[in-house]
Protein backbone atom coordinates (compact mmCIF):
# COMPACT_ATOMS: atom_id res chain seq x y z
CA UNK A 1 0.00 0.00 0.00
CA UNK A 2 2.81 2.52 -0.52
CA UNK A 3 2.40 5.27 -3.09
CA UNK A 4 4.11 8.55 -3.95
CA UNK A 5 2.57 11.98 -4.40
CA UNK A 6 3.67 15.56 -4.95
CA UNK A 7 2.45 18.62 -3.04
CA UNK A 8 0.38 20.74 -5.42
CA UNK A 9 -2.62 23.10 -5.39
CA UNK A 10 -1.12 25.14 -2.54
CA UNK A 11 -0.93 28.47 -4.37
CA UNK A 12 -3.54 30.12 -2.14
CA UNK A 13 -2.98 32.41 0.82
CA UNK A 14 -1.21 29.73 2.90
CA UNK A 15 1.05 28.44 0.12
CA UNK A 16 1.91 25.18 1.91
CA UNK A 17 0.59 21.77 2.90
CA UNK A 18 0.41 21.05 6.62
CA UNK A 19 1.51 17.59 7.74
CA UNK A 20 -0.50 16.96 10.90
CA UNK A 21 -0.15 14.58 13.84
CA UNK A 22 -3.57 13.05 13.06
CA UNK A 23 -6.21 12.92 10.32
CA UNK A 24 -7.91 16.30 10.72
CA UNK A 25 -7.39 20.04 11.06
CA UNK A 26 -7.81 19.80 14.82
CA UNK A 27 -4.46 17.94 15.10
CA UNK A 28 -1.13 19.73 15.57
CA UNK A 29 0.96 20.74 12.57
CA UNK A 30 4.23 18.78 12.48
CA UNK A 31 5.67 20.39 9.34
CA UNK A 32 4.66 22.69 6.50
CA UNK A 33 5.67 21.65 2.97
CA UNK A 34 5.83 23.91 -0.07
CA UNK A 35 4.81 22.88 -3.57
CA UNK A 36 6.76 20.15 -5.37
CA UNK A 37 7.77 18.36 -2.16
CA UNK A 38 7.44 14.60 -2.62
CA UNK A 39 5.67 12.32 -0.15
CA UNK A 40 5.71 8.59 0.44
CA UNK A 41 2.19 7.62 1.50
CA UNK A 42 0.68 4.52 3.09
CA UNK A 43 -2.62 4.51 1.18
CA UNK A 44 -3.91 1.60 3.30
CA UNK A 45 -4.19 4.14 6.13
CA UNK A 46 -6.87 6.59 5.00
CA UNK A 47 -9.43 8.48 7.09
CA UNK A 48 -11.78 10.15 4.63
CA UNK A 49 -9.65 12.58 2.61
CA UNK A 50 -6.66 12.20 4.96
CA UNK A 51 -3.80 9.84 4.14
CA UNK A 52 -0.82 8.69 6.21
CA UNK A 53 2.57 10.19 5.30
CA UNK A 54 5.58 7.90 5.91
CA UNK A 55 8.23 10.39 4.83
CA UNK A 56 8.84 13.40 2.59
CA UNK A 57 11.73 14.59 0.46
CA UNK A 58 12.73 17.07 -2.23
CA UNK A 59 14.42 16.71 -5.60
CA UNK A 60 13.29 20.16 -6.87
CA UNK A 61 12.85 23.56 -5.26
CA UNK A 62 9.34 24.97 -4.92
CA UNK A 63 10.09 26.95 -8.10
CA UNK A 64 10.93 23.79 -10.07
CA UNK A 65 14.72 24.03 -10.13
CA UNK A 66 16.46 20.65 -9.77
CA UNK A 67 18.35 20.20 -6.52
CA UNK A 68 20.23 17.52 -4.62
CA UNK A 69 17.99 14.98 -2.84
CA UNK A 70 16.96 16.30 0.57
CA UNK A 71 15.06 14.29 3.20
CA UNK A 72 12.37 16.30 5.00
CA UNK A 73 12.02 13.87 7.95
CA UNK A 74 8.32 13.95 8.73
CA UNK A 75 5.57 11.45 9.45
CA UNK A 76 1.93 12.29 9.93
CA UNK A 77 -1.22 12.94 7.93
CA UNK A 78 -1.97 15.04 4.83
CA UNK A 79 -5.22 16.06 3.13
CA UNK A 80 -5.38 14.57 -0.37
CA UNK A 81 -6.79 17.78 -1.89
CA UNK A 82 -3.22 19.10 -1.98
CA UNK A 83 -1.57 16.00 -3.49
CA UNK A 84 -0.94 15.12 -7.15
CA UNK A 85 0.47 12.08 -8.90
CA UNK A 86 3.77 12.53 -10.68
CA UNK A 87 6.22 10.66 -12.89
CA UNK A 88 9.69 10.03 -11.51
C-alpha atoms as a PDB file:
ATOM      1  CA  UNK A   1       0.000   0.000   0.000  1.00  0.00           C
ATOM      2  CA  UNK A   2       2.812   2.523  -0.515  1.00  0.00           C
ATOM      3  CA  UNK A   3       2.404   5.269  -3.091  1.00  0.00           C
ATOM      4  CA  UNK A   4       4.105   8.547  -3.951  1.00  0.00           C
ATOM      5  CA  UNK A   5       2.568  11.979  -4.397  1.00  0.00           C
ATOM      6  CA  UNK A   6       3.668  15.559  -4.946  1.00  0.00           C
ATOM      7  CA  UNK A   7       2.454  18.618  -3.040  1.00  0.00           C
ATOM      8  CA  UNK A   8       0.375  20.737  -5.420  1.00  0.00           C
ATOM      9  CA  UNK A   9      -2.616  23.102  -5.391  1.00  0.00           C
ATOM     10  CA  UNK A  10      -1.123  25.145  -2.536  1.00  0.00           C
ATOM     11  CA  UNK A  11      -0.932  28.467  -4.371  1.00  0.00           C
ATOM     12  CA  UNK A  12      -3.544  30.120  -2.136  1.00  0.00           C
ATOM     13  CA  UNK A  13      -2.980  32.410   0.823  1.00  0.00           C
ATOM     14  CA  UNK A  14      -1.212  29.733   2.897  1.00  0.00           C
ATOM     15  CA  UNK A  15       1.048  28.438   0.125  1.00  0.00           C
ATOM     16  CA  UNK A  16       1.914  25.175   1.907  1.00  0.00           C
ATOM     17  CA  UNK A  17       0.586  21.766   2.903  1.00  0.00           C
ATOM     18  CA  UNK A  18       0.410  21.047   6.622  1.00  0.00           C
ATOM     19  CA  UNK A  19       1.509  17.591   7.742  1.00  0.00           C
ATOM     20  CA  UNK A  20      -0.502  16.958  10.902  1.00  0.00           C
ATOM     21  CA  UNK A  21      -0.152  14.585  13.839  1.00  0.00           C
ATOM     22  CA  UNK A  22      -3.566  13.048  13.056  1.00  0.00           C
ATOM     23  CA  UNK A  23      -6.209  12.925  10.317  1.00  0.00           C
ATOM     24  CA  UNK A  24      -7.915  16.300  10.721  1.00  0.00           C
ATOM     25  CA  UNK A  25      -7.395  20.038  11.056  1.00  0.00           C
ATOM     26  CA  UNK A  26      -7.810  19.800  14.820  1.00  0.00           C
ATOM     27  CA  UNK A  27      -4.462  17.941  15.097  1.00  0.00           C
ATOM     28  CA  UNK A  28      -1.130  19.734  15.573  1.00  0.00           C
ATOM     29  CA  UNK A  29       0.956  20.744  12.570  1.00  0.00           C
ATOM     30  CA  UNK A  30       4.231  18.781  12.477  1.00  0.00           C
ATOM     31  CA  UNK A  31       5.675  20.388   9.343  1.00  0.00           C
ATOM     32  CA  UNK A  32       4.665  22.686   6.500  1.00  0.00           C
ATOM     33  CA  UNK A  33       5.671  21.650   2.974  1.00  0.00           C
ATOM     34  CA  UNK A  34       5.828  23.910  -0.074  1.00  0.00           C
ATOM     35  CA  UNK A  35       4.806  22.880  -3.573  1.00  0.00           C
ATOM     36  CA  UNK A  36       6.758  20.146  -5.373  1.00  0.00           C
ATOM     37  CA  UNK A  37       7.772  18.362  -2.161  1.00  0.00           C
ATOM     38  CA  UNK A  38       7.444  14.599  -2.618  1.00  0.00           C
ATOM     39  CA  UNK A  39       5.674  12.319  -0.149  1.00  0.00           C
ATOM     40  CA  UNK A  40       5.711   8.590   0.444  1.00  0.00           C
ATOM     41  CA  UNK A  41       2.186   7.617   1.496  1.00  0.00           C
ATOM     42  CA  UNK A  42       0.677   4.524   3.087  1.00  0.00           C
ATOM     43  CA  UNK A  43      -2.617   4.506   1.182  1.00  0.00           C
ATOM     44  CA  UNK A  44      -3.913   1.602   3.303  1.00  0.00           C
ATOM     45  CA  UNK A  45      -4.185   4.143   6.129  1.00  0.00           C
ATOM     46  CA  UNK A  46      -6.872   6.588   5.004  1.00  0.00           C
ATOM     47  CA  UNK A  47      -9.430   8.483   7.092  1.00  0.00           C
ATOM     48  CA  UNK A  48     -11.783  10.154   4.635  1.00  0.00           C
ATOM     49  CA  UNK A  49      -9.650  12.576   2.608  1.00  0.00           C
ATOM     50  CA  UNK A  50      -6.665  12.202   4.961  1.00  0.00           C
ATOM     51  CA  UNK A  51      -3.802   9.841   4.140  1.00  0.00           C
ATOM     52  CA  UNK A  52      -0.822   8.692   6.205  1.00  0.00           C
ATOM     53  CA  UNK A  53       2.575  10.187   5.298  1.00  0.00           C
ATOM     54  CA  UNK A  54       5.575   7.899   5.915  1.00  0.00           C
ATOM     55  CA  UNK A  55       8.232  10.392   4.827  1.00  0.00           C
ATOM     56  CA  UNK A  56       8.841  13.398   2.593  1.00  0.00           C
ATOM     57  CA  UNK A  57      11.734  14.589   0.464  1.00  0.00           C
ATOM     58  CA  UNK A  58      12.731  17.069  -2.231  1.00  0.00           C
ATOM     59  CA  UNK A  59      14.417  16.708  -5.602  1.00  0.00           C
ATOM     60  CA  UNK A  60      13.289  20.156  -6.868  1.00  0.00           C
ATOM     61  CA  UNK A  61      12.853  23.563  -5.259  1.00  0.00           C
ATOM     62  CA  UNK A  62       9.341  24.969  -4.916  1.00  0.00           C
ATOM     63  CA  UNK A  63      10.094  26.948  -8.097  1.00  0.00           C
ATOM     64  CA  UNK A  64      10.929  23.794 -10.070  1.00  0.00           C
ATOM     65  CA  UNK A  65      14.722  24.028 -10.127  1.00  0.00           C
ATOM     66  CA  UNK A  66      16.459  20.646  -9.775  1.00  0.00           C
ATOM     67  CA  UNK A  67      18.348  20.195  -6.519  1.00  0.00           C
ATOM     68  CA  UNK A  68      20.232  17.517  -4.617  1.00  0.00           C
ATOM     69  CA  UNK A  69      17.986  14.978  -2.840  1.00  0.00           C
ATOM     70  CA  UNK A  70      16.958  16.299   0.573  1.00  0.00           C
ATOM     71  CA  UNK A  71      15.055  14.292   3.203  1.00  0.00           C
ATOM     72  CA  UNK A  72      12.369  16.296   5.003  1.00  0.00           C
ATOM     73  CA  UNK A  73      12.024  13.870   7.951  1.00  0.00           C
ATOM     74  CA  UNK A  74       8.316  13.949   8.735  1.00  0.00           C
ATOM     75  CA  UNK A  75       5.567  11.445   9.455  1.00  0.00           C
ATOM     76  CA  UNK A  76       1.927  12.287   9.930  1.00  0.00           C
ATOM     77  CA  UNK A  77      -1.223  12.936   7.926  1.00  0.00           C
ATOM     78  CA  UNK A  78      -1.971  15.044   4.833  1.00  0.00           C
ATOM     79  CA  UNK A  79      -5.225  16.061   3.130  1.00  0.00           C
ATOM     80  CA  UNK A  80      -5.376  14.574  -0.369  1.00  0.00           C
ATOM     81  CA  UNK A  81      -6.794  17.783  -1.889  1.00  0.00           C
ATOM     82  CA  UNK A  82      -3.217  19.096  -1.980  1.00  0.00           C
ATOM     83  CA  UNK A  83      -1.572  16.001  -3.492  1.00  0.00           C
ATOM     84  CA  UNK A  84      -0.942  15.122  -7.155  1.00  0.00           C
ATOM     85  CA  UNK A  85       0.465  12.084  -8.905  1.00  0.00           C
ATOM     86  CA  UNK A  86       3.774  12.525 -10.676  1.00  0.00           C
ATOM     87  CA  UNK A  87       6.224  10.664 -12.890  1.00  0.00           C
ATOM     88  CA  UNK A  88       9.695  10.028 -11.508  1.00  0.00           C
END
